[in-house]
């Protein structure tokens, strides 16, 4: 677990995870769209194991260039952390087609392409870790958050299949599902529809940035979250889904209970759909 590639390191969880990795003396290829946002990581690192790279995860050529440089400098990528992404708030009807495509290109397709780029060498070595940063929104959706949730549901479904493909090859997959954390996610990393519809003011409209007072007051600590991720990866039995934050844990538990209750309520109807 000595050589890492982490995307989305300019702020938040990506930055604190990169700092934690470097503090342990491990090597890290750290990326962001603008590499100048990462200079502080190299400046504060006590060893030479920090490789700064500009990376737009929607650019397939850049992905392969960064992976090649990381493998050339450090010999291998032991852990890939797909953290790059952004939030998007809109009622489904409000979303512009370009906004929706940009959302999935970054949050899903870029993540898949980067995973595909590192897997050949991991398969050859029969070891490695893929860490995909999802969200508690990857388990459930709120009004106004359905499209962002859709991008994370896609990450979760893909990751579930991926782990079953890779486990026999010695490669582990882990999903990280944070709740609200005190990062820039609800600030500049959050986008929203440009043309709100008044009929959704009492539902999706409640999540609009100008009506939200949560930014800067979220309960989650990104430094502690980074430690939790490292602890989980180094455990004897790493979880497939790592929920982070009390509020996230409570929400997931309530959602699973509600789903189980509904399943049991309609279990007989489900059975009646089979040939008798």
Foldseek 3Di string as FASTA:
>chain_A
DQEAEFEPCLKFLNVLLLLVSLVVVGAYEYEYQDQVSCPVSCVPRPDDRYHTDYDDLLDLVSLLVSLVVSCVVPVAHAEYELDDAAAEFAAPVLDDPVVLVVRLSRLPVSLVSNVVNRPVVCLVVLHHEYEYEAALLCQDHFGRRVSSNVSRVNVVVVQVVVQVVNVVSHYHYAYEHEYDAQMCRLPPRYYYGPDHDPVCCVGSVCSDSVNDDCHRPTPHYSNVVSVVVVVLVPDPHRDRYHYDDPVSVVVNVVSVVVVVVVCVVCVVVVVVVDDD
